[in-house]
Protein backbone atom coordinates (compact mmCIF):
# COMPACT_ATOMS: atom_id res chain seq x y z
CA UNK A 1 -0.14 -14.22 1.82
CA UNK A 2 -0.69 -16.41 -1.21
CA UNK A 3 0.49 -19.91 -0.26
CA UNK A 4 -1.75 -20.94 2.64
CA UNK A 5 -4.55 -19.54 4.73
CA UNK A 6 -5.32 -19.49 8.43
CA UNK A 7 -8.37 -17.91 10.10
CA UNK A 8 -6.22 -15.24 11.80
CA UNK A 9 -2.44 -14.95 11.69
CA UNK A 10 -2.01 -13.60 15.20
CA UNK A 11 0.99 -11.49 16.11
CA UNK A 12 1.76 -9.09 18.93
CA UNK A 13 0.45 -6.07 17.03
CA UNK A 14 -2.87 -7.76 16.23
CA UNK A 15 -3.29 -8.86 19.86
CA UNK A 16 -2.67 -5.34 21.15
CA UNK A 17 -4.95 -3.88 18.47
CA UNK A 18 -7.81 -6.24 19.29
CA UNK A 19 -7.48 -5.80 23.05
CA UNK A 20 -7.59 -2.03 22.74
CA UNK A 21 -10.53 -2.28 20.32
CA UNK A 22 -12.52 -4.60 22.60
CA UNK A 23 -11.67 -2.49 25.63
CA UNK A 24 -12.95 0.69 23.96
CA UNK A 25 -16.08 -1.10 22.76
CA UNK A 26 -16.77 -2.35 26.30
CA UNK A 27 -16.14 1.11 27.75
CA UNK A 28 -18.56 2.70 25.29
CA UNK A 29 -21.28 0.16 26.04
CA UNK A 30 -20.83 0.65 29.80
CA UNK A 31 -20.98 4.46 29.58
CA UNK A 32 -23.92 4.44 27.16
CA UNK A 33 -25.86 2.01 29.34
CA UNK A 34 -25.25 4.12 32.44
CA UNK A 35 -26.39 7.32 30.71
CA UNK A 36 -29.49 5.64 29.30
CA UNK A 37 -30.48 4.22 32.70
CA UNK A 38 -30.08 7.67 34.25
CA UNK A 39 -32.05 9.40 31.49
CA UNK A 40 -34.67 6.66 31.00
CA UNK A 41 -35.02 4.66 34.24
CA UNK A 42 -37.89 2.58 32.83
CA UNK A 43 -36.16 1.60 29.60
CA UNK A 44 -36.56 -2.06 28.67
CA UNK A 45 -33.48 -4.31 28.27
CA UNK A 46 -34.36 -4.92 24.62
CA UNK A 47 -34.56 -1.21 23.83
CA UNK A 48 -31.33 -0.58 25.70
CA UNK A 49 -29.52 -3.27 23.68
CA UNK A 50 -30.94 -1.90 20.42
CA UNK A 51 -29.80 1.63 21.18
CA UNK A 52 -26.40 0.66 22.58
CA UNK A 53 -25.41 -1.68 19.75
CA UNK A 54 -26.87 0.58 17.05
CA UNK A 55 -24.98 3.67 18.17
CA UNK A 56 -21.78 1.69 18.74
CA UNK A 57 -21.87 0.09 15.27
CA UNK A 58 -22.58 3.46 13.63
CA UNK A 59 -19.71 5.07 15.54
CA UNK A 60 -17.36 2.22 14.58
CA UNK A 61 -18.32 2.65 10.92
CA UNK A 62 -17.32 6.32 11.12
CA UNK A 63 -13.95 5.30 12.56
CA UNK A 64 -13.46 2.69 9.82
CA UNK A 65 -14.26 5.18 7.06
CA UNK A 66 -11.89 7.74 8.61
CA UNK A 67 -8.83 5.48 8.74
CA UNK A 68 -8.17 5.50 4.97
CA UNK A 69 -7.99 9.28 4.47
CA UNK A 70 -6.15 9.73 7.77
CA UNK A 71 -3.35 7.45 6.55
CA UNK A 72 -3.09 9.54 3.38
CA UNK A 73 -2.60 12.61 5.57
CA UNK A 74 -0.28 11.07 8.17
CA UNK A 75 1.51 7.69 8.06
CA UNK A 76 1.23 7.37 11.84
CA UNK A 77 -2.27 6.02 11.27
CA UNK A 78 -1.02 3.10 9.17
CA UNK A 79 -1.14 0.58 12.08
CA UNK A 80 -4.89 1.21 12.23
CA UNK A 81 -5.19 0.45 8.52
CA UNK A 82 -3.11 -2.71 8.81
CA UNK A 83 -5.73 -4.32 11.09
CA UNK A 84 -8.84 -2.50 9.85
CA UNK A 85 -10.55 -5.73 8.80
CA UNK A 86 -10.67 -6.84 12.45
CA UNK A 87 -12.50 -3.61 13.23
CA UNK A 88 -14.86 -4.13 10.29
CA UNK A 89 -15.82 -7.67 11.28
CA UNK A 90 -16.35 -6.56 14.90
CA UNK A 91 -18.55 -3.70 13.70
CA UNK A 92 -20.67 -6.11 11.64
CA UNK A 93 -21.19 -8.41 14.64
CA UNK A 94 -22.35 -5.47 16.77
CA UNK A 95 -24.67 -4.33 13.95
CA UNK A 96 -25.99 -7.88 13.62
CA UNK A 97 -26.97 -7.92 17.31
CA UNK A 98 -28.72 -4.59 16.77
CA UNK A 99 -30.60 -5.97 13.76
CA UNK A 100 -31.63 -9.22 15.46
CA UNK A 101 -33.04 -7.45 18.51
CA UNK A 102 -34.88 -4.98 16.25
CA UNK A 103 -36.40 -7.86 14.32
CA UNK A 104 -37.45 -9.62 17.55
CA UNK A 105 -38.90 -6.55 19.27
CA UNK A 106 -40.77 -5.07 16.31
CA UNK A 107 -41.57 -7.97 14.00
CA UNK A 108 -41.38 -11.36 15.74
CA UNK A 109 -44.29 -11.09 18.19
CA UNK A 110 -47.14 -11.28 15.66
CA UNK A 111 -48.44 -14.00 13.38
CA UNK A 112 -46.55 -12.72 10.31
CA UNK A 113 -43.10 -13.95 9.37
CA UNK A 114 -40.59 -11.41 10.80
CA UNK A 115 -38.88 -10.77 7.45
CA UNK A 116 -42.23 -10.36 5.71
CA UNK A 117 -43.30 -7.99 8.46
CA UNK A 118 -40.08 -6.01 8.04
CA UNK A 119 -40.99 -5.19 4.43
CA UNK A 120 -44.78 -4.87 4.82
CA UNK A 121 -45.42 -3.25 8.21
CA UNK A 122 -44.59 0.15 6.72
CA UNK A 123 -45.45 0.45 3.03
CA UNK A 124 -44.93 4.20 2.62
CA UNK A 125 -42.18 3.64 0.05
CA UNK A 126 -43.24 6.73 -1.89
CA UNK A 127 -42.87 9.08 1.09
CA UNK A 128 -39.52 10.58 2.09
CA UNK A 129 -40.43 11.39 5.69
CA UNK A 130 -42.29 8.11 6.29
CA UNK A 131 -40.03 5.81 4.26
CA UNK A 132 -39.53 2.42 6.02
CA UNK A 133 -36.13 3.12 7.56
CA UNK A 134 -35.71 -0.45 8.85
CA UNK A 135 -35.57 -1.71 5.26
CA UNK A 136 -32.58 0.56 4.65
CA UNK A 137 -30.91 -0.89 7.71
CA UNK A 138 -31.57 -4.43 6.46
CA UNK A 139 -29.86 -3.84 3.11
CA UNK A 140 -26.97 -2.00 4.74
CA UNK A 141 -26.51 -4.95 7.10
CA UNK A 142 -26.55 -7.30 4.12
CA UNK A 143 -23.68 -5.36 2.51
CA UNK A 144 -21.74 -5.39 5.79
CA UNK A 145 -22.29 -9.15 6.00
CA UNK A 146 -20.86 -9.67 2.50
CA UNK A 147 -17.83 -7.58 3.43
CA UNK A 148 -17.26 -9.40 6.71
CA UNK A 149 -17.75 -12.83 5.11
CA UNK A 150 -15.19 -12.05 2.37
CA UNK A 151 -12.70 -10.15 4.54
CA UNK A 152 -10.13 -12.96 4.54
CA UNK A 153 -7.34 -13.03 1.94
CA UNK A 154 -8.71 -16.36 0.68
CA UNK A 155 -11.57 -14.46 -0.92
CA UNK A 156 -9.30 -11.65 -2.09
CA UNK A 157 -7.15 -14.17 -3.95
CA UNK A 158 -10.02 -16.21 -5.41
CA UNK A 159 -12.34 -13.35 -6.34
CA UNK A 160 -9.38 -11.33 -7.77
CA UNK A 161 -8.26 -8.01 -6.26
CA UNK A 162 -10.42 -5.99 -8.66
CA UNK A 163 -13.67 -7.80 -7.83
CA UNK A 164 -12.84 -7.94 -4.12
CA UNK A 165 -12.07 -4.22 -4.01
CA UNK A 166 -15.28 -3.37 -5.88
CA UNK A 167 -17.28 -5.45 -3.40
CA UNK A 168 -15.70 -3.72 -0.42
CA UNK A 169 -16.20 -0.26 -1.90
CA UNK A 170 -19.91 -0.93 -1.34
CA UNK A 171 -19.26 0.18 2.24
CA UNK A 172 -20.03 3.70 1.03
CA UNK A 173 -23.45 2.58 -0.21
CA UNK A 174 -24.03 0.94 3.17
CA UNK A 175 -22.97 4.12 4.92
CA UNK A 176 -25.40 6.23 2.86
CA UNK A 177 -28.23 3.81 3.68
CA UNK A 178 -27.36 3.91 7.37
CA UNK A 179 -27.32 7.71 7.45
CA UNK A 180 -30.88 7.72 6.10
CA UNK A 181 -31.76 4.77 8.36
CA UNK A 182 -30.71 6.74 11.44
CA UNK A 183 -32.15 10.08 10.28
CA UNK A 184 -35.55 8.61 9.40
CA UNK A 185 -35.62 6.48 12.54
CA UNK A 186 -35.00 9.54 14.68
CA UNK A 187 -37.61 11.58 12.80
CA UNK A 188 -40.26 8.86 12.98
CA UNK A 189 -39.61 7.50 16.48
CA UNK A 190 -37.37 9.71 18.59
CA UNK A 191 -38.00 13.24 17.30
CA UNK A 192 -34.63 14.28 18.74
CA UNK A 193 -32.76 17.21 17.19
CA UNK A 194 -29.60 16.17 19.06
CA UNK A 195 -29.39 12.76 17.34
CA UNK A 196 -30.06 14.33 13.94
CA UNK A 197 -27.33 16.90 14.61
CA UNK A 198 -24.82 14.25 15.66
CA UNK A 199 -25.57 12.18 12.58
CA UNK A 200 -25.13 15.24 10.39
CA UNK A 201 -21.81 16.07 12.03
CA UNK A 202 -20.62 12.51 11.47
CA UNK A 203 -21.55 12.70 7.80
CA UNK A 204 -19.76 16.04 7.41
CA UNK A 205 -16.68 14.60 9.13
CA UNK A 206 -16.48 11.57 6.82
CA UNK A 207 -17.12 13.45 3.58
CA UNK A 208 -14.95 16.42 4.57
CA UNK A 209 -12.05 14.19 5.56
CA UNK A 210 -12.21 12.29 2.27
CA UNK A 211 -12.36 15.49 0.21
CA UNK A 212 -9.49 17.08 2.15
CA UNK A 213 -7.30 13.98 1.80
CA UNK A 214 -8.04 13.86 -1.95
CA UNK A 215 -7.03 17.52 -2.36
CA UNK A 216 -3.81 16.97 -0.42
CA UNK A 217 -3.04 13.88 -2.49
CA UNK A 218 -3.70 15.85 -5.68
CA UNK A 219 -1.17 18.49 -4.69
CA UNK A 220 1.43 15.80 -3.98
CA UNK A 221 1.10 14.18 -7.39
CA UNK A 222 4.15 14.43 -9.60
CA UNK A 223 3.16 14.95 -13.25
CA UNK A 224 6.28 15.46 -15.40
CA UNK A 225 5.61 18.14 -17.99
CA UNK A 226 8.52 17.39 -20.32
CA UNK A 227 9.38 14.11 -22.03
CA UNK A 228 12.75 13.74 -23.66
CA UNK A 229 13.33 12.55 -27.22
CA UNK A 230 14.17 9.11 -25.81
CA UNK A 231 10.82 8.90 -24.04
CA UNK A 232 12.23 9.32 -20.52
CA UNK A 233 10.63 11.81 -18.12
CA UNK A 234 12.30 13.54 -15.21
CA UNK A 235 11.10 12.35 -11.81
CA UNK A 236 13.14 14.43 -9.38
CA UNK A 237 16.66 15.10 -8.17
CA UNK A 238 18.58 12.22 -6.62
CA UNK A 239 18.70 13.97 -3.25
CA UNK A 240 14.89 14.14 -3.21
CA UNK A 241 14.66 10.37 -2.65
CA UNK A 242 15.54 9.07 0.80
CA UNK A 243 17.57 5.88 1.10
CA UNK A 244 15.22 2.89 1.12
CA UNK A 245 12.30 5.06 0.01
CA UNK A 246 10.68 6.06 -3.28
CA UNK A 247 9.45 8.95 -5.36
CA UNK A 248 6.08 8.53 -7.05
CA UNK A 249 5.47 9.79 -10.58
CA UNK A 250 2.38 9.74 -12.82
CA UNK A 251 3.26 9.71 -16.51
CA UNK A 252 1.35 8.54 -19.59
CA UNK A 253 -1.28 6.96 -17.36
CA UNK A 254 1.34 4.97 -15.43
CA UNK A 255 1.57 5.15 -11.63
CA UNK A 256 5.27 4.51 -10.94
CA UNK A 257 7.39 4.31 -7.80
CA UNK A 258 11.15 4.89 -8.19
CA UNK A 259 13.08 3.38 -5.27
CA UNK A 260 16.57 4.27 -4.07
CA UNK A 261 18.44 1.46 -2.32
CA UNK A 262 21.97 0.08 -1.90
CA UNK A 263 23.46 2.58 -4.37
CA UNK A 264 20.84 1.80 -7.05
CA UNK A 265 17.56 3.04 -8.50
CA UNK A 266 14.71 0.78 -9.67
CA UNK A 267 11.15 1.51 -10.76
CA UNK A 268 8.02 -0.61 -10.36
CA UNK A 269 4.28 -0.09 -10.44
CA UNK A 270 3.10 1.93 -7.46
CA UNK A 271 0.01 -0.28 -7.06
CA UNK A 272 0.24 -3.26 -4.69
CA UNK A 273 -1.35 -6.46 -5.99
CA UNK A 274 -3.02 -7.08 -2.63
CA UNK A 275 -5.40 -4.16 -2.20
CA UNK A 276 -3.97 -1.49 -4.53
CA UNK A 277 -1.91 0.01 -1.73
CA UNK A 278 0.60 2.80 -2.56
CA UNK A 279 3.93 0.96 -2.66
CA UNK A 280 5.83 4.22 -3.11
CA UNK A 281 4.77 5.26 0.38
CA UNK A 282 6.38 2.13 1.80
CA UNK A 283 10.07 1.37 2.19
CA UNK A 284 12.72 -1.25 1.49
CA UNK A 285 12.77 -3.86 4.27
CA UNK A 286 15.24 -6.77 4.09
CA UNK A 287 15.89 -5.95 0.45
CA UNK A 288 12.18 -5.93 -0.50
CA UNK A 289 9.72 -3.15 -1.25
CA UNK A 290 7.21 -3.45 1.60
CA UNK A 291 3.66 -2.17 1.14
CA UNK A 292 2.70 0.24 3.95
CA UNK A 293 -0.85 -1.11 4.08
CA UNK A 294 -0.48 -4.83 4.78
CA UNK A 295 3.19 -5.69 4.40
CA UNK A 296 3.17 -7.40 0.99
CA UNK A 297 6.72 -7.48 -0.43
CA UNK A 298 8.36 -7.27 -3.87
CA UNK A 299 11.93 -7.31 -5.14
CA UNK A 300 12.74 -3.86 -6.56
CA UNK A 301 14.74 -5.04 -9.62
CA UNK A 302 12.05 -7.38 -11.02
CA UNK A 303 8.80 -6.61 -9.15
CA UNK A 304 8.43 -10.22 -8.01
CA UNK A 305 7.39 -11.29 -4.53
CA UNK A 306 10.14 -13.41 -2.93
CA UNK A 307 9.50 -17.18 -3.17
CA UNK A 308 7.27 -18.96 -2.37
CA UNK A 309 4.91 -16.04 -3.01
CA UNK A 310 3.75 -15.31 -6.55
CA UNK A 311 2.58 -11.67 -6.78
CA UNK A 312 4.27 -9.61 -9.54
CA UNK A 313 4.44 -5.95 -10.58
CA UNK A 314 5.18 -4.15 -13.84
CA UNK A 315 8.72 -2.75 -14.04
CA UNK A 316 10.19 0.31 -15.76
CA UNK A 317 13.55 1.56 -17.04
CA UNK A 318 15.36 4.13 -14.91
CA UNK A 319 18.42 6.25 -15.63
CA UNK A 320 20.46 8.83 -13.75
CA UNK A 321 21.78 11.88 -15.63
CA UNK A 322 24.03 13.88 -13.35
CA UNK A 323 21.89 14.28 -10.24
CA UNK A 324 18.57 14.00 -12.08
CA UNK A 325 16.44 10.84 -11.98
CA UNK A 326 14.55 9.81 -15.13
CA UNK A 327 12.07 6.99 -15.76
CA UNK A 328 10.55 5.64 -18.97
CA UNK A 329 6.74 5.31 -18.59
CA UNK A 330 6.64 2.21 -20.82
CA UNK A 331 5.80 -0.77 -18.57
CA UNK A 332 7.42 -4.16 -18.94
CA UNK A 333 5.36 -7.30 -18.27
CA UNK A 334 4.83 -8.19 -14.63
CA UNK A 335 7.94 -9.67 -13.04
CA UNK A 336 10.34 -8.58 -15.80
CA UNK A 337 13.83 -7.93 -14.48
CA UNK A 338 15.32 -4.57 -15.54
CA UNK A 339 18.84 -3.30 -14.86
CA UNK A 340 18.98 -0.84 -11.99
CA UNK A 341 20.49 2.61 -12.49
CA UNK A 342 23.75 2.73 -10.52
CA UNK A 343 24.47 5.71 -8.30
CA UNK A 344 28.16 6.75 -8.62
């Protein structure tokens, strides 16, 4: 977490995840190669590598972009999210192979510098149909490189979570560039309606899944309509919170998670300091609130990560009136201990 860094902290889950990922990648490449050799017996090795790695990287990007909304819809997908950065780095490496072979095959055999040729061999920048699609791929690959190079928590900690998150949200800009990269490449070189259709279906899947997950999340939001004279707002009934779990409430611009544990109620910010994960969707493990995304932990009564870690959350006052749970949406400074509400 925050005290030391290692290239990869391997555990059994990560090993299984990576083996399955590499196995599926190898299976895809084998099947794609076989189909291409059957359909195009005279295809060159370079073209085969370009097509195989390009389609694989694009498919992997669709999977990566689907994991987030899928976890919002069903927590069973959380193990995929936990190790998503491994998938992202692997996808970049596949895309890099695709880009290198493209640069060699189309731009490295003349007397012009390959990168110069990339930007000058097609200068129809004012035309939509003839736009230089390889330039779009280059800038998308550059974004993917920045994301892969800063994927480790070292960069998250030193860039700050806000900057790091903003950088990694550029994946959507890269995805948009790659959609046009593929569409224009097919139009200009392949003229295949099937590839255009598949790309369109992929785009509809990603956008539709994100919109659907956002609508579901919107319906789940708890916005208390009534605030008492003491400033407290009702969250829910005590029975609505499972033991070791939380109820999330949005009040006065505060995103709050109220946890029930060991006969007590405590409230902290719902936003994990690691990657803004939803702490209220996690649970209490070994006495600590555990983020469902990457396992970061915080003590429920003061919002502090257990020593030697240093992450801290805002805390809030909670009270129990009969069987009704109330929280005050006024935050206390990060790491401030607040008395828990005792459950009779």
